[in-house]
Amino acid sequence: MTELEVTSQIIQALATYLKRDPSTITESHHLRDDLGLDSVAIIELLFEIEDRFKIQIPDQDLPGLSTVGSVASYVHQRLSTGQASASAETKPAAASKKPTSTAGGKRSATVSKKPAAAGRKPAPALKKRAAAPKKATAAKAKKR
């Protein structure tokens, strides 16, 4: 996707959000000063851009995105460099979901088949702690 196409889509998203004619929005417009967007509106716009271009914008990159042109340049850069890094990021994530295995292909000892937490009984130490205050309360009640 060319930078001109990215800019056009961002301007279209802004125009729809602001209910304005897209021809009245230029790359040099400042999001706050010229277009009147507040913090919430800028975040909503960036969510729209993330959805539209299938990218994620880290919080530390937000301060640099102050004009329509800076947003368009940023998105274009992420799209052109993001395709190589996106495939590299998905491979480790997919690999981490696989069970740990040994050379023989069997599951290792680190993968256990313990019952679900809801079916477990509390540890005996927890039962004693819970029972101790009740006994003390009962003893106080007998003294009264």
C-alpha atoms as a PDB file:
ATOM      1  CA  MET A   1       0.000   0.000   0.000  1.00  0.00           C
ATOM      2  CA  THR A   2       1.435   3.392  -0.959  1.00  0.00           C
ATOM      3  CA  GLU A   3       1.739   6.292   1.428  1.00  0.00           C
ATOM      4  CA  LEU A   4      -0.833   8.207  -0.633  1.00  0.00           C
ATOM      5  CA  GLU A   5      -3.364   5.369  -0.169  1.00  0.00           C
ATOM      6  CA  VAL A   6      -2.662   5.249   3.565  1.00  0.00           C
ATOM      7  CA  THR A   7      -3.079   9.021   3.854  1.00  0.00           C
ATOM      8  CA  SER A   8      -6.325   8.881   1.894  1.00  0.00           C
ATOM      9  CA  GLN A   9      -7.771   6.198   4.183  1.00  0.00           C
ATOM     10  CA  ILE A  10      -6.751   8.098   7.309  1.00  0.00           C
ATOM     11  CA  ILE A  11      -8.294  11.306   5.995  1.00  0.00           C
ATOM     12  CA  GLN A  12     -11.460   9.369   5.146  1.00  0.00           C
ATOM     13  CA  ALA A  13     -11.600   7.946   8.691  1.00  0.00           C
ATOM     14  CA  LEU A  14     -11.125  11.433  10.137  1.00  0.00           C
ATOM     15  CA  ALA A  15     -13.780  12.912   7.853  1.00  0.00           C
ATOM     16  CA  THR A  16     -16.269  10.231   8.865  1.00  0.00           C
ATOM     17  CA  TYR A  17     -15.514  10.759  12.560  1.00  0.00           C
ATOM     18  CA  LEU A  18     -15.711  14.558  12.302  1.00  0.00           C
ATOM     19  CA  LYS A  19     -18.636  14.472   9.836  1.00  0.00           C
ATOM     20  CA  ARG A  20     -16.699  16.715   7.453  1.00  0.00           C
ATOM     21  CA  ASP A  21     -15.859  16.705   3.781  1.00  0.00           C
ATOM     22  CA  PRO A  22     -12.541  14.794   3.309  1.00  0.00           C
ATOM     23  CA  SER A  23     -11.289  17.513   0.946  1.00  0.00           C
ATOM     24  CA  THR A  24     -11.172  19.944   3.894  1.00  0.00           C
ATOM     25  CA  ILE A  25      -8.607  17.806   5.759  1.00  0.00           C
ATOM     26  CA  THR A  26      -4.924  17.968   4.782  1.00  0.00           C
ATOM     27  CA  GLU A  27      -1.753  16.213   5.933  1.00  0.00           C
ATOM     28  CA  SER A  28      -0.567  19.366   7.691  1.00  0.00           C
ATOM     29  CA  HIS A  29      -3.610  19.574   9.978  1.00  0.00           C
ATOM     30  CA  HIS A  30      -2.799  19.129  13.653  1.00  0.00           C
ATOM     31  CA  LEU A  31      -5.171  16.643  15.285  1.00  0.00           C
ATOM     32  CA  ARG A  32      -5.800  18.793  18.381  1.00  0.00           C
ATOM     33  CA  ASP A  33      -5.210  22.365  17.265  1.00  0.00           C
ATOM     34  CA  ASP A  34      -6.663  22.290  13.742  1.00  0.00           C
ATOM     35  CA  LEU A  35      -9.196  19.468  13.872  1.00  0.00           C
ATOM     36  CA  GLY A  36     -10.267  19.941  17.500  1.00  0.00           C
ATOM     37  CA  LEU A  37      -9.783  16.333  18.618  1.00  0.00           C
ATOM     38  CA  ASP A  38      -9.428  15.781  22.342  1.00  0.00           C
ATOM     39  CA  SER A  39      -7.509  12.881  23.946  1.00  0.00           C
ATOM     40  CA  VAL A  40     -10.449  10.502  23.802  1.00  0.00           C
ATOM     41  CA  ALA A  41     -11.169  11.317  20.153  1.00  0.00           C
ATOM     42  CA  ILE A  42      -7.513  10.759  19.226  1.00  0.00           C
ATOM     43  CA  ILE A  43      -7.520   7.370  20.977  1.00  0.00           C
ATOM     44  CA  GLU A  44     -10.759   6.414  19.203  1.00  0.00           C
ATOM     45  CA  LEU A  45      -9.226   7.457  15.886  1.00  0.00           C
ATOM     46  CA  LEU A  46      -6.111   5.398  16.568  1.00  0.00           C
ATOM     47  CA  PHE A  47      -8.273   2.368  17.427  1.00  0.00           C
ATOM     48  CA  GLU A  48     -10.040   2.843  14.105  1.00  0.00           C
ATOM     49  CA  ILE A  49      -6.683   3.032  12.315  1.00  0.00           C
ATOM     50  CA  GLU A  50      -5.449  -0.103  14.105  1.00  0.00           C
ATOM     51  CA  ASP A  51      -8.571  -1.974  12.985  1.00  0.00           C
ATOM     52  CA  ARG A  52      -8.472  -0.650   9.459  1.00  0.00           C
ATOM     53  CA  PHE A  53      -4.779  -1.402   8.842  1.00  0.00           C
ATOM     54  CA  LYS A  54      -4.476  -4.456  11.149  1.00  0.00           C
ATOM     55  CA  ILE A  55      -1.589  -2.998  13.154  1.00  0.00           C
ATOM     56  CA  GLN A  56      -0.962  -2.195  16.795  1.00  0.00           C
ATOM     57  CA  ILE A  57       0.267   1.202  17.894  1.00  0.00           C
ATOM     58  CA  PRO A  58       2.272   1.023  21.140  1.00  0.00           C
ATOM     59  CA  ASP A  59       1.569   3.699  23.765  1.00  0.00           C
ATOM     60  CA  GLN A  60       5.145   5.018  23.583  1.00  0.00           C
ATOM     61  CA  ASP A  61       4.565   5.963  19.905  1.00  0.00           C
ATOM     62  CA  LEU A  62       1.485   8.112  20.592  1.00  0.00           C
ATOM     63  CA  PRO A  63       3.242  11.428  21.394  1.00  0.00           C
ATOM     64  CA  GLY A  64       4.792  11.556  17.907  1.00  0.00           C
ATOM     65  CA  LEU A  65       1.418  11.262  16.193  1.00  0.00           C
ATOM     66  CA  SER A  66       0.216  14.849  16.253  1.00  0.00           C
ATOM     67  CA  THR A  67      -0.629  15.656  12.623  1.00  0.00           C
ATOM     68  CA  VAL A  68      -2.517  13.801   9.901  1.00  0.00           C
ATOM     69  CA  GLY A  69       0.735  13.478   7.960  1.00  0.00           C
ATOM     70  CA  SER A  70       2.675  12.079  10.915  1.00  0.00           C
ATOM     71  CA  VAL A  71      -0.021   9.462  11.498  1.00  0.00           C
ATOM     72  CA  ALA A  72      -0.010   8.528   7.797  1.00  0.00           C
ATOM     73  CA  SER A  73       3.800   8.275   7.681  1.00  0.00           C
ATOM     74  CA  TYR A  74       3.849   6.181  10.840  1.00  0.00           C
ATOM     75  CA  VAL A  75       1.185   3.779   9.552  1.00  0.00           C
ATOM     76  CA  HIS A  76       2.890   3.469   6.163  1.00  0.00           C
ATOM     77  CA  GLN A  77       6.219   2.722   7.849  1.00  0.00           C
ATOM     78  CA  ARG A  78       4.596   0.098  10.101  1.00  0.00           C
ATOM     79  CA  LEU A  79       2.885  -1.520   7.117  1.00  0.00           C
ATOM     80  CA  SER A  80       6.064  -1.710   5.051  1.00  0.00           C
ATOM     81  CA  THR A  81       8.269  -3.013   7.897  1.00  0.00           C
ATOM     82  CA  GLY A  82       5.528  -4.805   9.819  1.00  0.00           C
ATOM     83  CA  GLN A  83       4.974  -7.604   7.316  1.00  0.00           C
ATOM     84  CA  ALA A  84       8.407  -9.119   7.932  1.00  0.00           C
ATOM     85  CA  SER A  85       8.247  -8.661  11.705  1.00  0.00           C
ATOM     86  CA  ALA A  86       4.630  -9.852  11.932  1.00  0.00           C
ATOM     87  CA  SER A  87       5.535 -13.245  10.506  1.00  0.00           C
ATOM     88  CA  ALA A  88       8.521 -13.493  12.868  1.00  0.00           C
ATOM     89  CA  GLU A  89       6.299 -12.582  15.838  1.00  0.00           C
ATOM     90  CA  THR A  90       3.651 -15.190  15.073  1.00  0.00           C
ATOM     91  CA  LYS A  91       6.052 -18.110  14.788  1.00  0.00           C
ATOM     92  CA  PRO A  92       7.273 -18.009  18.426  1.00  0.00           C
ATOM     93  CA  ALA A  93       3.734 -17.455  19.678  1.00  0.00           C
ATOM     94  CA  ALA A  94       2.461 -20.495  17.791  1.00  0.00           C
ATOM     95  CA  ALA A  95       5.409 -22.573  18.977  1.00  0.00           C
ATOM     96  CA  SER A  96       4.809 -21.658  22.616  1.00  0.00           C
ATOM     97  CA  LYS A  97       1.300 -23.147  22.496  1.00  0.00           C
ATOM     98  CA  LYS A  98       2.634 -26.630  21.664  1.00  0.00           C
ATOM     99  CA  PRO A  99       3.187 -29.025  24.563  1.00  0.00           C
ATOM    100  CA  THR A 100       6.731 -29.539  25.708  1.00  0.00           C
ATOM    101  CA  SER A 101       8.122 -32.757  24.280  1.00  0.00           C
ATOM    102  CA  THR A 102      11.224 -34.890  24.529  1.00  0.00           C
ATOM    103  CA  ALA A 103      13.329 -36.330  21.736  1.00  0.00           C
ATOM    104  CA  GLY A 104      11.112 -39.447  21.615  1.00  0.00           C
ATOM    105  CA  GLY A 105       8.023 -37.334  20.895  1.00  0.00           C
ATOM    106  CA  LYS A 106       6.423 -38.105  24.280  1.00  0.00           C
ATOM    107  CA  ARG A 107       5.284 -35.416  26.649  1.00  0.00           C
ATOM    108  CA  SER A 108       7.810 -34.394  29.231  1.00  0.00           C
ATOM    109  CA  ALA A 109       7.268 -34.450  32.958  1.00  0.00           C
ATOM    110  CA  THR A 110       6.577 -30.702  32.961  1.00  0.00           C
ATOM    111  CA  VAL A 111       3.153 -31.264  31.406  1.00  0.00           C
ATOM    112  CA  SER A 112       0.874 -32.583  34.147  1.00  0.00           C
ATOM    113  CA  LYS A 113      -2.665 -33.843  34.130  1.00  0.00           C
ATOM    114  CA  LYS A 114      -3.813 -32.331  37.428  1.00  0.00           C
ATOM    115  CA  PRO A 115      -7.537 -31.927  38.066  1.00  0.00           C
ATOM    116  CA  ALA A 116      -9.062 -28.525  37.563  1.00  0.00           C
ATOM    117  CA  ALA A 117      -8.656 -26.038  40.408  1.00  0.00           C
ATOM    118  CA  ALA A 118     -12.405 -26.124  41.132  1.00  0.00           C
ATOM    119  CA  GLY A 119     -12.242 -29.838  41.965  1.00  0.00           C
ATOM    120  CA  ARG A 120      -9.300 -29.561  44.365  1.00  0.00           C
ATOM    121  CA  LYS A 121      -9.621 -29.503  48.123  1.00  0.00           C
ATOM    122  CA  PRO A 122      -7.961 -26.648  50.024  1.00  0.00           C
ATOM    123  CA  ALA A 123      -4.645 -27.393  51.670  1.00  0.00           C
ATOM    124  CA  PRO A 124      -4.883 -28.619  55.295  1.00  0.00           C
ATOM    125  CA  ALA A 125      -3.070 -25.498  56.528  1.00  0.00           C
ATOM    126  CA  LEU A 126      -5.866 -23.370  55.120  1.00  0.00           C
ATOM    127  CA  LYS A 127      -8.507 -25.418  56.917  1.00  0.00           C
ATOM    128  CA  LYS A 128      -6.738 -24.952  60.257  1.00  0.00           C
ATOM    129  CA  ARG A 129      -6.498 -21.185  59.742  1.00  0.00           C
ATOM    130  CA  ALA A 130     -10.164 -20.942  58.887  1.00  0.00           C
ATOM    131  CA  ALA A 131     -11.155 -23.075  61.891  1.00  0.00           C
ATOM    132  CA  ALA A 132      -9.018 -21.179  64.420  1.00  0.00           C
ATOM    133  CA  PRO A 133     -11.041 -17.936  64.461  1.00  0.00           C
ATOM    134  CA  LYS A 134     -14.313 -19.863  64.879  1.00  0.00           C
ATOM    135  CA  LYS A 135     -13.013 -21.626  67.984  1.00  0.00           C
ATOM    136  CA  ALA A 136     -11.804 -18.361  69.463  1.00  0.00           C
ATOM    137  CA  THR A 137     -15.189 -16.759  68.780  1.00  0.00           C
ATOM    138  CA  ALA A 138     -16.996 -19.712  70.369  1.00  0.00           C
ATOM    139  CA  ALA A 139     -14.759 -19.477  73.446  1.00  0.00           C
ATOM    140  CA  LYS A 140     -15.540 -15.768  73.788  1.00  0.00           C
ATOM    141  CA  ALA A 141     -19.254 -16.467  73.501  1.00  0.00           C
ATOM    142  CA  LYS A 142     -19.084 -19.020  76.373  1.00  0.00           C
ATOM    143  CA  LYS A 143     -17.397 -16.461  78.645  1.00  0.00           C
ATOM    144  CA  ARG A 144     -20.297 -14.007  78.190  1.00  0.00           C
END
